[in-house]
Amino acid sequence: SPEPAWLRDPELYHQASSRPGAHLPHVWLSENGRRVAAMDLCG
């Protein structure tokens, strides 16, 4: 896949991507109604 274009200044603003080579995007999931960060399932 092509590298996503930066929508804002890439030095000032974070832009999430799931493209291989990028950090896993942060999202909140739910476990029995309790918030869990997706990154906490990893590592």
PDB file of all heavy atoms in Angstrom:
ATOM      1  N   SER A   1       0.848  -1.198   0.000  1.00  0.00           N
ATOM      2  CA  SER A   1       0.000   0.000   0.000  1.00  0.00           C
ATOM      3  C   SER A   1       0.878   1.241   0.000  1.00  0.00           C
ATOM      4  O   SER A   1       2.002   1.227   0.513  1.00  0.00           O
ATOM      5  CB  SER A   1      -0.898   0.006   1.242  1.00  0.00           C
ATOM      6  OG  SER A   1      -0.118   0.075   2.427  1.00  0.00           O
ATOM      7  N   PRO A   2       0.375   2.341  -0.562  1.00  0.00           N
ATOM      8  CA  PRO A   2       1.170   3.570  -0.562  1.00  0.00           C
ATOM      9  C   PRO A   2       1.243   4.174   0.838  1.00  0.00           C
ATOM     10  O   PRO A   2       0.343   3.997   1.654  1.00  0.00           O
ATOM     11  CB  PRO A   2       0.395   4.481  -1.518  1.00  0.00           C
ATOM     12  CG  PRO A   2      -1.015   3.988  -1.439  1.00  0.00           C
ATOM     13  CD  PRO A   2      -0.922   2.498  -1.243  1.00  0.00           C
ATOM     14  N   GLU A   3       2.331   4.863   1.097  1.00  0.00           N
ATOM     15  CA  GLU A   3       2.462   5.591   2.363  1.00  0.00           C
ATOM     16  C   GLU A   3       1.381   6.668   2.403  1.00  0.00           C
ATOM     17  O   GLU A   3       1.255   7.465   1.472  1.00  0.00           O
ATOM     18  CB  GLU A   3       3.838   6.237   2.462  1.00  0.00           C
ATOM     19  CG  GLU A   3       4.109   6.967   3.758  1.00  0.00           C
ATOM     20  CD  GLU A   3       4.344   6.040   4.921  1.00  0.00           C
ATOM     21  OE1 GLU A   3       5.095   5.076   4.779  1.00  0.00           O
ATOM     22  OE2 GLU A   3       3.748   6.294   5.990  1.00  0.00           O
ATOM     23  N   PRO A   4       0.553   6.713   3.456  1.00  0.00           N
ATOM     24  CA  PRO A   4      -0.507   7.729   3.515  1.00  0.00           C
ATOM     25  C   PRO A   4       0.065   9.147   3.481  1.00  0.00           C
ATOM     26  O   PRO A   4       1.094   9.420   4.093  1.00  0.00           O
ATOM     27  CB  PRO A   4      -1.194   7.441   4.855  1.00  0.00           C
ATOM     28  CG  PRO A   4      -0.835   6.034   5.190  1.00  0.00           C
ATOM     29  CD  PRO A   4       0.526   5.814   4.628  1.00  0.00           C
ATOM     30  N   ALA A   5      -0.595  10.020   2.789  1.00  0.00           N
ATOM     31  CA  ALA A   5      -0.162  11.420   2.735  1.00  0.00           C
ATOM     32  C   ALA A   5      -0.395  12.071   4.089  1.00  0.00           C
ATOM     33  O   ALA A   5      -1.384  11.781   4.781  1.00  0.00           O
ATOM     34  CB  ALA A   5      -0.938  12.161   1.652  1.00  0.00           C
ATOM     35  N   TRP A   6       0.514  12.949   4.481  1.00  0.00           N
ATOM     36  CA  TRP A   6       0.342  13.683   5.736  1.00  0.00           C
ATOM     37  C   TRP A   6      -0.717  14.755   5.544  1.00  0.00           C
ATOM     38  O   TRP A   6      -0.623  15.574   4.632  1.00  0.00           O
ATOM     39  CB  TRP A   6       1.657  14.311   6.176  1.00  0.00           C
ATOM     40  CG  TRP A   6       2.738  13.313   6.464  1.00  0.00           C
ATOM     41  CD1 TRP A   6       3.848  13.065   5.729  1.00  0.00           C
ATOM     42  CD2 TRP A   6       2.796  12.421   7.584  1.00  0.00           C
ATOM     43  NE1 TRP A   6       4.599  12.071   6.302  1.00  0.00           N
ATOM     44  CE2 TRP A   6       3.986  11.660   7.450  1.00  0.00           C
ATOM     45  CE3 TRP A   6       1.964  12.188   8.687  1.00  0.00           C
ATOM     46  CZ2 TRP A   6       4.361  10.691   8.366  1.00  0.00           C
ATOM     47  CZ3 TRP A   6       2.343  11.216   9.601  1.00  0.00           C
ATOM     48  CH2 TRP A   6       3.518  10.474   9.450  1.00  0.00           C
ATOM     49  N   LEU A   7      -1.712  14.754   6.406  1.00  0.00           N
ATOM     50  CA  LEU A   7      -2.805  15.716   6.288  1.00  0.00           C
ATOM     51  C   LEU A   7      -2.474  17.040   6.959  1.00  0.00           C
ATOM     52  O   LEU A   7      -3.061  18.070   6.640  1.00  0.00           O
ATOM     53  CB  LEU A   7      -4.085  15.118   6.884  1.00  0.00           C
ATOM     54  CG  LEU A   7      -4.541  13.796   6.258  1.00  0.00           C
ATOM     55  CD1 LEU A   7      -5.801  13.293   6.948  1.00  0.00           C
ATOM     56  CD2 LEU A   7      -4.762  13.957   4.756  1.00  0.00           C
ATOM     57  N   ARG A   8      -1.550  16.998   7.928  1.00  0.00           N
ATOM     58  CA  ARG A   8      -1.076  18.202   8.611  1.00  0.00           C
ATOM     59  C   ARG A   8       0.439  18.092   8.756  1.00  0.00           C
ATOM     60  O   ARG A   8       1.034  17.082   8.409  1.00  0.00           O
ATOM     61  CB  ARG A   8      -1.757  18.345   9.989  1.00  0.00           C
ATOM     62  CG  ARG A   8      -3.258  18.511   9.921  1.00  0.00           C
ATOM     63  CD  ARG A   8      -3.856  18.818  11.303  1.00  0.00           C
ATOM     64  NE  ARG A   8      -3.801  17.663  12.199  1.00  0.00           N
ATOM     65  CZ  ARG A   8      -4.240  17.680  13.465  1.00  0.00           C
ATOM     66  NH1 ARG A   8      -4.750  18.803  13.978  1.00  0.00           N
ATOM     67  NH2 ARG A   8      -4.172  16.602  14.217  1.00  0.00           N
ATOM     68  N   ASP A   9       1.062  19.122   9.283  1.00  0.00           N
ATOM     69  CA  ASP A   9       2.510  19.136   9.479  1.00  0.00           C
ATOM     70  C   ASP A   9       2.928  17.900  10.275  1.00  0.00           C
ATOM     71  O   ASP A   9       2.546  17.737  11.438  1.00  0.00           O
ATOM     72  CB  ASP A   9       2.902  20.405  10.245  1.00  0.00           C
ATOM     73  CG  ASP A   9       4.417  20.577  10.373  1.00  0.00           C
ATOM     74  OD1 ASP A   9       5.131  19.565  10.443  1.00  0.00           O
ATOM     75  OD2 ASP A   9       4.876  21.725  10.414  1.00  0.00           O
ATOM     76  N   PRO A  10       3.716  16.987   9.672  1.00  0.00           N
ATOM     77  CA  PRO A  10       4.046  15.733  10.357  1.00  0.00           C
ATOM     78  C   PRO A  10       4.988  15.887  11.537  1.00  0.00           C
ATOM     79  O   PRO A  10       5.187  14.934  12.292  1.00  0.00           O
ATOM     80  CB  PRO A  10       4.704  14.896   9.244  1.00  0.00           C
ATOM     81  CG  PRO A  10       5.257  15.897   8.289  1.00  0.00           C
ATOM     82  CD  PRO A  10       4.289  17.053   8.318  1.00  0.00           C
ATOM     83  N   GLU A  11       5.580  17.080  11.709  1.00  0.00           N
ATOM     84  CA  GLU A  11       6.414  17.308  12.884  1.00  0.00           C
ATOM     85  C   GLU A  11       5.587  17.827  14.051  1.00  0.00           C
ATOM     86  O   GLU A  11       5.890  17.549  15.210  1.00  0.00           O
ATOM     87  CB  GLU A  11       7.547  18.273  12.559  1.00  0.00           C
ATOM     88  CG  GLU A  11       8.569  17.688  11.596  1.00  0.00           C
ATOM     89  CD  GLU A  11       9.844  18.503  11.547  1.00  0.00           C
ATOM     90  OE1 GLU A  11       9.810  19.706  11.893  1.00  0.00           O
ATOM     91  OE2 GLU A  11      10.879  17.945  11.166  1.00  0.00           O
ATOM     92  N   LEU A  12       4.528  18.567  13.754  1.00  0.00           N
ATOM     93  CA  LEU A  12       3.689  19.131  14.809  1.00  0.00           C
ATOM     94  C   LEU A  12       2.547  18.209  15.224  1.00  0.00           C
ATOM     95  O   LEU A  12       2.121  18.223  16.385  1.00  0.00           O
ATOM     96  CB  LEU A  12       3.103  20.475  14.359  1.00  0.00           C
ATOM     97  CG  LEU A  12       4.017  21.698  14.414  1.00  0.00           C
ATOM     98  CD1 LEU A  12       3.325  22.905  13.812  1.00  0.00           C
ATOM     99  CD2 LEU A  12       4.446  21.984  15.842  1.00  0.00           C
ATOM    100  N   TYR A  13       2.037  17.412  14.288  1.00  0.00           N
ATOM    101  CA  TYR A  13       0.806  16.659  14.546  1.00  0.00           C
ATOM    102  C   TYR A  13       1.010  15.160  14.333  1.00  0.00           C
ATOM    103  O   TYR A  13       1.627  14.732  13.360  1.00  0.00           O
ATOM    104  CB  TYR A  13      -0.307  17.138  13.610  1.00  0.00           C
ATOM    105  CG  TYR A  13      -0.650  18.598  13.780  1.00  0.00           C
ATOM    106  CD1 TYR A  13      -0.085  19.558  12.937  1.00  0.00           C
ATOM    107  CD2 TYR A  13      -1.519  19.021  14.779  1.00  0.00           C
ATOM    108  CE1 TYR A  13      -0.387  20.896  13.094  1.00  0.00           C
ATOM    109  CE2 TYR A  13      -1.833  20.364  14.933  1.00  0.00           C
ATOM    110  CZ  TYR A  13      -1.263  21.296  14.099  1.00  0.00           C
ATOM    111  OH  TYR A  13      -1.554  22.630  14.252  1.00  0.00           O
ATOM    112  N   HIS A  14       0.448  14.383  15.235  1.00  0.00           N
ATOM    113  CA  HIS A  14       0.461  12.932  15.089  1.00  0.00           C
ATOM    114  C   HIS A  14      -0.635  12.505  14.121  1.00  0.00           C
ATOM    115  O   HIS A  14      -1.728  13.074  14.113  1.00  0.00           O
ATOM    116  CB  HIS A  14       0.213  12.273  16.448  1.00  0.00           C
ATOM    117  CG  HIS A  14      -0.020  10.794  16.370  1.00  0.00           C
ATOM    118  ND1 HIS A  14       0.872   9.931  15.784  1.00  0.00           N
ATOM    119  CD2 HIS A  14      -1.049  10.026  16.810  1.00  0.00           C
ATOM    120  CE1 HIS A  14       0.409   8.697  15.864  1.00  0.00           C
ATOM    121  NE2 HIS A  14      -0.753   8.729  16.463  1.00  0.00           N
ATOM    122  N   GLN A  15      -0.313  11.505  13.304  1.00  0.00           N
ATOM    123  CA  GLN A  15      -1.298  10.935  12.391  1.00  0.00           C
ATOM    124  C   GLN A  15      -1.182   9.421  12.457  1.00  0.00           C
ATOM    125  O   GLN A  15      -0.175   8.849  12.068  1.00  0.00           O
ATOM    126  CB  GLN A  15      -1.058  11.423  10.958  1.00  0.00           C
ATOM    127  CG  GLN A  15      -2.072  10.892   9.954  1.00  0.00           C
ATOM    128  CD  GLN A  15      -1.885  11.533   8.582  1.00  0.00           C
ATOM    129  OE1 GLN A  15      -1.783  12.758   8.462  1.00  0.00           O
ATOM    130  NE2 GLN A  15      -1.838  10.713   7.542  1.00  0.00           N
ATOM    131  N   ALA A  16      -2.209   8.775  12.979  1.00  0.00           N
ATOM    132  CA  ALA A  16      -2.179   7.334  13.165  1.00  0.00           C
ATOM    133  C   ALA A  16      -2.310   6.608  11.838  1.00  0.00           C
ATOM    134  O   ALA A  16      -2.915   7.109  10.887  1.00  0.00           O
ATOM    135  CB  ALA A  16      -3.300   6.906  14.108  1.00  0.00           C
ATOM    136  N   SER A  17      -1.755   5.403  11.782  1.00  0.00           N
ATOM    137  CA  SER A  17      -1.869   4.549  10.608  1.00  0.00           C
ATOM    138  C   SER A  17      -1.648   3.112  11.040  1.00  0.00           C
ATOM    139  O   SER A  17      -0.877   2.849  11.969  1.00  0.00           O
ATOM    140  CB  SER A  17      -0.830   4.941   9.550  1.00  0.00           C
ATOM    141  OG  SER A  17      -0.819   4.006   8.475  1.00  0.00           O
ATOM    142  N   SER A  18      -2.317   2.183  10.365  1.00  0.00           N
ATOM    143  CA  SER A  18      -2.066   0.764  10.642  1.00  0.00           C
ATOM    144  C   SER A  18      -1.156   0.164   9.574  1.00  0.00           C
ATOM    145  O   SER A  18      -0.935  -1.049   9.566  1.00  0.00           O
ATOM    146  CB  SER A  18      -3.383  -0.017  10.678  1.00  0.00           C
ATOM    147  OG  SER A  18      -3.919  -0.180   9.365  1.00  0.00           O
ATOM    148  N   ARG A  19      -0.634   0.989   8.675  1.00  0.00           N
ATOM    149  CA  ARG A  19       0.264   0.474   7.649  1.00  0.00           C
ATOM    150  C   ARG A  19       1.479  -0.143   8.320  1.00  0.00           C
ATOM    151  O   ARG A  19       2.016   0.404   9.293  1.00  0.00           O
ATOM    152  CB  ARG A  19       0.694   1.601   6.713  1.00  0.00           C
ATOM    153  CG  ARG A  19       1.490   1.150   5.499  1.00  0.00           C
ATOM    154  CD  ARG A  19       1.799   2.337   4.599  1.00  0.00           C
ATOM    155  NE  ARG A  19       2.426   1.932   3.356  1.00  0.00           N
ATOM    156  CZ  ARG A  19       3.750   1.778   3.203  1.00  0.00           C
ATOM    157  NH1 ARG A  19       4.559   1.991   4.224  1.00  0.00           N
ATOM    158  NH2 ARG A  19       4.242   1.409   2.039  1.00  0.00           N
ATOM    159  N   PRO A  20       1.964  -1.289   7.837  1.00  0.00           N
ATOM    160  CA  PRO A  20       3.152  -1.897   8.438  1.00  0.00           C
ATOM    161  C   PRO A  20       4.306  -0.907   8.548  1.00  0.00           C
ATOM    162  O   PRO A  20       4.609  -0.178   7.602  1.00  0.00           O
ATOM    163  CB  PRO A  20       3.470  -3.039   7.467  1.00  0.00           C
ATOM    164  CG  PRO A  20       2.127  -3.437   6.929  1.00  0.00           C
ATOM    165  CD  PRO A  20       1.378  -2.140   6.771  1.00  0.00           C
ATOM    166  N   GLY A  21       4.902  -0.874   9.725  1.00  0.00           N
ATOM    167  CA  GLY A  21       5.963   0.076  10.018  1.00  0.00           C
ATOM    168  C   GLY A  21       5.510   1.226  10.880  1.00  0.00           C
ATOM    169  O   GLY A  21       6.331   2.001  11.374  1.00  0.00           O
ATOM    170  N   ALA A  22       4.189   1.356  11.099  1.00  0.00           N
ATOM    171  CA  ALA A  22       3.642   2.409  11.960  1.00  0.00           C
ATOM    172  C   ALA A  22       3.290   1.838  13.331  1.00  0.00           C
ATOM    173  O   ALA A  22       3.050   0.636  13.478  1.00  0.00           O
ATOM    174  CB  ALA A  22       2.394   3.027  11.323  1.00  0.00           C
ATOM    175  N   HIS A  23       3.272   2.705  14.298  1.00  0.00           N
ATOM    176  CA  HIS A  23       2.846   2.313  15.640  1.00  0.00           C
ATOM    177  C   HIS A  23       1.362   1.949  15.616  1.00  0.00           C
ATOM    178  O   HIS A  23       0.569   2.583  14.914  1.00  0.00           O
ATOM    179  CB  HIS A  23       3.082   3.473  16.606  1.00  0.00           C
ATOM    180  CG  HIS A  23       2.841   3.147  18.052  1.00  0.00           C
ATOM    181  ND1 HIS A  23       1.585   3.161  18.608  1.00  0.00           N
ATOM    182  CD2 HIS A  23       3.689   2.800  19.043  1.00  0.00           C
ATOM    183  CE1 HIS A  23       1.667   2.851  19.893  1.00  0.00           C
ATOM    184  NE2 HIS A  23       2.940   2.623  20.179  1.00  0.00           N
ATOM    185  N   LEU A  24       0.984   0.920  16.359  1.00  0.00           N
ATOM    186  CA  LEU A  24      -0.422   0.536  16.430  1.00  0.00           C
ATOM    187  C   LEU A  24      -1.271   1.734  16.839  1.00  0.00           C
ATOM    188  O   LEU A  24      -1.005   2.368  17.862  1.00  0.00           O
ATOM    189  CB  LEU A  24      -0.607  -0.592  17.449  1.00  0.00           C
ATOM    190  CG  LEU A  24      -2.056  -1.051  17.654  1.00  0.00           C
ATOM    191  CD1 LEU A  24      -2.547  -1.825  16.446  1.00  0.00           C
ATOM    192  CD2 LEU A  24      -2.164  -1.895  18.931  1.00  0.00           C
ATOM    193  N   PRO A  25      -2.304   2.085  16.076  1.00  0.00           N
ATOM    194  CA  PRO A  25      -3.152   3.218  16.467  1.00  0.00           C
ATOM    195  C   PRO A  25      -3.790   2.995  17.833  1.00  0.00           C
ATOM    196  O   PRO A  25      -4.163   1.868  18.185  1.00  0.00           O
ATOM    197  CB  PRO A  25      -4.216   3.258  15.365  1.00  0.00           C
ATOM    198  CG  PRO A  25      -3.584   2.592  14.191  1.00  0.00           C
ATOM    199  CD  PRO A  25      -2.713   1.513  14.773  1.00  0.00           C
ATOM    200  N   HIS A  26      -3.908   4.077  18.584  1.00  0.00           N
ATOM    201  CA  HIS A  26      -4.563   3.995  19.895  1.00  0.00           C
ATOM    202  C   HIS A  26      -6.073   4.071  19.739  1.00  0.00           C
ATOM    203  O   HIS A  26      -6.592   5.016  19.116  1.00  0.00           O
ATOM    204  CB  HIS A  26      -4.093   5.127  20.795  1.00  0.00           C
ATOM    205  CG  HIS A  26      -4.998   5.371  21.972  1.00  0.00           C
ATOM    206  ND1 HIS A  26      -5.329   4.377  22.869  1.00  0.00           N
ATOM    207  CD2 HIS A  26      -5.674   6.493  22.377  1.00  0.00           C
ATOM    208  CE1 HIS A  26      -6.158   4.867  23.780  1.00  0.00           C
ATOM    209  NE2 HIS A  26      -6.372   6.146  23.497  1.00  0.00           N
ATOM    210  N   VAL A  27      -6.774   3.093  20.270  1.00  0.00           N
ATOM    211  CA  VAL A  27      -8.238   3.147  20.369  1.00  0.00           C
ATOM    212  C   VAL A  27      -8.632   2.530  21.705  1.00  0.00           C
ATOM    213  O   VAL A  27      -7.899   1.718  22.280  1.00  0.00           O
ATOM    214  CB  VAL A  27      -8.952   2.379  19.222  1.00  0.00           C
ATOM    215  CG1 VAL A  27      -8.646   3.010  17.878  1.00  0.00           C
ATOM    216  CG2 VAL A  27      -8.575   0.903  19.225  1.00  0.00           C
ATOM    217  N   TRP A  28      -9.788   2.916  22.182  1.00  0.00           N
ATOM    218  CA  TRP A  28     -10.329   2.327  23.408  1.00  0.00           C
ATOM    219  C   TRP A  28     -11.294   1.205  23.045  1.00  0.00           C
ATOM    220  O   TRP A  28     -12.202   1.379  22.224  1.00  0.00           O
ATOM    221  CB  TRP A  28     -11.063   3.376  24.240  1.00  0.00           C
ATOM    222  CG  TRP A  28     -10.158   4.376  24.897  1.00  0.00           C
ATOM    223  CD1 TRP A  28     -10.031   5.693  24.584  1.00  0.00           C
ATOM    224  CD2 TRP A  28      -9.257   4.131  25.980  1.00  0.00           C
ATOM    225  NE1 TRP A  28      -9.100   6.295  25.399  1.00  0.00           N
ATOM    226  CE2 TRP A  28      -8.617   5.364  26.271  1.00  0.00           C
ATOM    227  CE3 TRP A  28      -8.930   3.000  26.740  1.00  0.00           C
ATOM    228  CZ2 TRP A  28      -7.664   5.484  27.284  1.00  0.00           C
ATOM    229  CZ3 TRP A  28      -7.984   3.125  27.748  1.00  0.00           C
ATOM    230  CH2 TRP A  28      -7.364   4.355  28.014  1.00  0.00           C
ATOM    231  N   LEU A  29     -11.087   0.055  23.673  1.00  0.00           N
ATOM    232  CA  LEU A  29     -11.984  -1.082  23.540  1.00  0.00           C
ATOM    233  C   LEU A  29     -12.744  -1.238  24.849  1.00  0.00           C
ATOM    234  O   LEU A  29     -12.576  -0.446  25.778  1.00  0.00           O
ATOM    235  CB  LEU A  29     -11.181  -2.350  23.229  1.00  0.00           C
ATOM    236  CG  LEU A  29     -10.262  -2.265  21.997  1.00  0.00           C
ATOM    237  CD1 LEU A  29      -9.402  -3.522  21.899  1.00  0.00           C
ATOM    238  CD2 LEU A  29     -11.070  -2.051  20.736  1.00  0.00           C
ATOM    239  N   SER A  30     -13.554  -2.274  24.933  1.00  0.00           N
ATOM    240  CA  SER A  30     -14.340  -2.517  26.148  1.00  0.00           C
ATOM    241  C   SER A  30     -14.215  -3.983  26.548  1.00  0.00           C
ATOM    242  O   SER A  30     -14.342  -4.883  25.709  1.00  0.00           O
ATOM    243  CB  SER A  30     -15.810  -2.175  25.899  1.00  0.00           C
ATOM    244  OG  SER A  30     -16.610  -2.543  27.007  1.00  0.00           O
ATOM    245  N   GLU A  31     -13.952  -4.220  27.810  1.00  0.00           N
ATOM    246  CA  GLU A  31     -13.944  -5.568  28.379  1.00  0.00           C
ATOM    247  C   GLU A  31     -14.912  -5.581  29.556  1.00  0.00           C
ATOM    248  O   GLU A  31     -14.654  -4.964  30.585  1.00  0.00           O
ATOM    249  CB  GLU A  31     -12.542  -5.955  28.852  1.00  0.00           C
ATOM    250  CG  GLU A  31     -12.483  -7.362  29.428  1.00  0.00           C
ATOM    251  CD  GLU A  31     -11.110  -7.699  30.001  1.00  0.00           C
ATOM    252  OE1 GLU A  31     -10.350  -6.762  30.311  1.00  0.00           O
ATOM    253  OE2 GLU A  31     -10.812  -8.890  30.169  1.00  0.00           O
ATOM    254  N   ASN A  32     -16.049  -6.237  29.367  1.00  0.00           N
ATOM    255  CA  ASN A  32     -17.101  -6.231  30.398  1.00  0.00           C
ATOM    256  C   ASN A  32     -17.492  -4.805  30.784  1.00  0.00           C
ATOM    257  O   ASN A  32     -17.725  -4.510  31.956  1.00  0.00           O
ATOM    258  CB  ASN A  32     -16.656  -7.011  31.637  1.00  0.00           C
ATOM    259  CG  ASN A  32     -16.439  -8.483  31.344  1.00  0.00           C
ATOM    260  OD1 ASN A  32     -17.184  -9.083  30.565  1.00  0.00           O
ATOM    261  ND2 ASN A  32     -15.409  -9.069  31.949  1.00  0.00           N
ATOM    262  N   GLY A  33     -17.518  -3.930  29.779  1.00  0.00           N
ATOM    263  CA  GLY A  33     -17.920  -2.549  30.017  1.00  0.00           C
ATOM    264  C   GLY A  33     -16.796  -1.647  30.474  1.00  0.00           C
ATOM    265  O   GLY A  33     -16.975  -0.428  30.550  1.00  0.00           O
ATOM    266  N   ARG A  34     -15.642  -2.218  30.780  1.00  0.00           N
ATOM    267  CA  ARG A  34     -14.501  -1.432  31.266  1.00  0.00           C
ATOM    268  C   ARG A  34     -13.596  -1.067  30.101  1.00  0.00           C
ATOM    269  O   ARG A  34     -13.283  -1.898  29.253  1.00  0.00           O
ATOM    270  CB  ARG A  34     -13.717  -2.257  32.290  1.00  0.00           C
ATOM    271  CG  ARG A  34     -12.511  -1.552  32.893  1.00  0.00           C
ATOM    272  CD  ARG A  34     -11.850  -2.443  33.944  1.00  0.00           C
ATOM    273  NE  ARG A  34     -11.355  -3.675  33.354  1.00  0.00           N
ATOM    274  CZ  ARG A  34     -10.131  -3.826  32.830  1.00  0.00           C
ATOM    275  NH1 ARG A  34      -9.302  -2.795  32.806  1.00  0.00           N
ATOM    276  NH2 ARG A  34      -9.755  -4.985  32.329  1.00  0.00           N
ATOM    277  N   ARG A  35     -13.167   0.195  30.054  1.00  0.00           N
ATOM    278  CA  ARG A  35     -12.314   0.648  28.948  1.00  0.00           C
ATOM    279  C   ARG A  35     -10.942  -0.023  29.005  1.00  0.00           C
ATOM    280  O   ARG A  35     -10.320  -0.102  30.065  1.00  0.00           O
ATOM    281  CB  ARG A  35     -12.124   2.161  28.992  1.00  0.00           C
ATOM    282  CG  ARG A  35     -13.315   2.944  28.505  1.00  0.00           C
ATOM    283  CD  ARG A  35     -12.938   4.315  27.973  1.00  0.00           C
ATOM    284  NE  ARG A  35     -11.917   5.025  28.756  1.00  0.00           N
ATOM    285  CZ  ARG A  35     -11.380   6.184  28.400  1.00  0.00           C
ATOM    286  NH1 ARG A  35     -11.760   6.762  27.279  1.00  0.00           N
ATOM    287  NH2 ARG A  35     -10.480   6.769  29.145  1.00  0.00           N
ATOM    288  N   VAL A  36     -10.477  -0.473  27.857  1.00  0.00           N
ATOM    289  CA  VAL A  36      -9.160  -1.081  27.727  1.00  0.00           C
ATOM    290  C   VAL A  36      -8.511  -0.525  26.472  1.00  0.00           C
ATOM    291  O   VAL A  36      -9.145  -0.485  25.411  1.00  0.00           O
ATOM    292  CB  VAL A  36      -9.250  -2.619  27.616  1.00  0.00           C
ATOM    293  CG1 VAL A  36      -7.865  -3.218  27.416  1.00  0.00           C
ATOM    294  CG2 VAL A  36      -9.920  -3.213  28.829  1.00  0.00           C
ATOM    295  N   ALA A  37      -7.280  -0.080  26.573  1.00  0.00           N
ATOM    296  CA  ALA A  37      -6.562   0.421  25.398  1.00  0.00           C
ATOM    297  C   ALA A  37      -6.116  -0.743  24.535  1.00  0.00           C
ATOM    298  O   ALA A  37      -5.645  -1.769  25.044  1.00  0.00           O
ATOM    299  CB  ALA A  37      -5.355   1.240  25.826  1.00  0.00           C
ATOM    300  N   ALA A  38      -6.245  -0.596  23.222  1.00  0.00           N
ATOM    301  CA  ALA A  38      -5.829  -1.670  22.315  1.00  0.00           C
ATOM    302  C   ALA A  38      -4.367  -2.029  22.514  1.00  0.00           C
ATOM    303  O   ALA A  38      -3.997  -3.206  22.430  1.00  0.00           O
ATOM    304  CB  ALA A  38      -6.085  -1.251  20.872  1.00  0.00           C
ATOM    305  N   MET A  39      -3.523  -1.028  22.795  1.00  0.00           N
ATOM    306  CA  MET A  39      -2.105  -1.336  22.965  1.00  0.00           C
ATOM    307  C   MET A  39      -1.851  -2.227  24.174  1.00  0.00           C
ATOM    308  O   MET A  39      -0.845  -2.941  24.226  1.00  0.00           O
ATOM    309  CB  MET A  39      -1.271  -0.053  23.070  1.00  0.00           C
ATOM    310  CG  MET A  39      -1.455   0.759  24.332  1.00  0.00           C
ATOM    311  SD  MET A  39      -0.070   1.919  24.604  1.00  0.00           S
ATOM    312  CE  MET A  39       1.214   0.806  25.165  1.00  0.00           C
ATOM    313  N   ASP A  40      -2.775  -2.223  25.154  1.00  0.00           N
ATOM    314  CA  ASP A  40      -2.583  -3.056  26.338  1.00  0.00           C
ATOM    315  C   ASP A  40      -2.791  -4.536  26.042  1.00  0.00           C
ATOM    316  O   ASP A  40      -2.464  -5.395  26.865  1.00  0.00           O
ATOM    317  CB  ASP A  40      -3.516  -2.605  27.456  1.00  0.00           C
ATOM    318  CG  ASP A  40      -3.133  -1.245  28.020  1.00  0.00           C
ATOM    319  OD1 ASP A  40      -1.975  -0.827  27.817  1.00  0.00           O
ATOM    320  OD2 ASP A  40      -3.985  -0.597  28.649  1.00  0.00           O
ATOM    321  N   LEU A  41      -3.343  -4.849  24.881  1.00  0.00           N
ATOM    322  CA  LEU A  41      -3.478  -6.238  24.463  1.00  0.00           C
ATOM    323  C   LEU A  41      -2.177  -6.746  23.847  1.00  0.00           C
ATOM    324  O   LEU A  41      -2.036  -7.946  23.583  1.00  0.00           O
ATOM    325  CB  LEU A  41      -4.600  -6.386  23.431  1.00  0.00           C
ATOM    326  CG  LEU A  41      -6.050  -6.485  23.936  1.00  0.00           C
ATOM    327  CD1 LEU A  41      -6.449  -5.296  24.782  1.00  0.00           C
ATOM    328  CD2 LEU A  41      -7.002  -6.612  22.743  1.00  0.00           C
ATOM    329  N   CYS A  42      -1.254  -5.828  23.619  1.00  0.00           N
ATOM    330  CA  CYS A  42      -0.019  -6.157  22.896  1.00  0.00           C
ATOM    331  C   CYS A  42       1.184  -5.974  23.815  1.00  0.00           C
ATOM    332  O   CYS A  42       1.057  -5.690  24.995  1.00  0.00           O
ATOM    333  CB  CYS A  42       0.107  -5.261  21.669  1.00  0.00           C
ATOM    334  SG  CYS A  42      -1.359  -5.263  20.608  1.00  0.00           S
ATOM    335  N   GLY A  43       2.357  -6.133  23.248  1.00  0.00           N
ATOM    336  CA  GLY A  43       3.585  -5.929  24.011  1.00  0.00           C
ATOM    337  C   GLY A  43       3.941  -7.116  24.873  1.00  0.00           C
ATOM    338  O   GLY A  43       3.726  -8.270  24.517  1.00  0.00           O
TER     339      GLY A  43
END
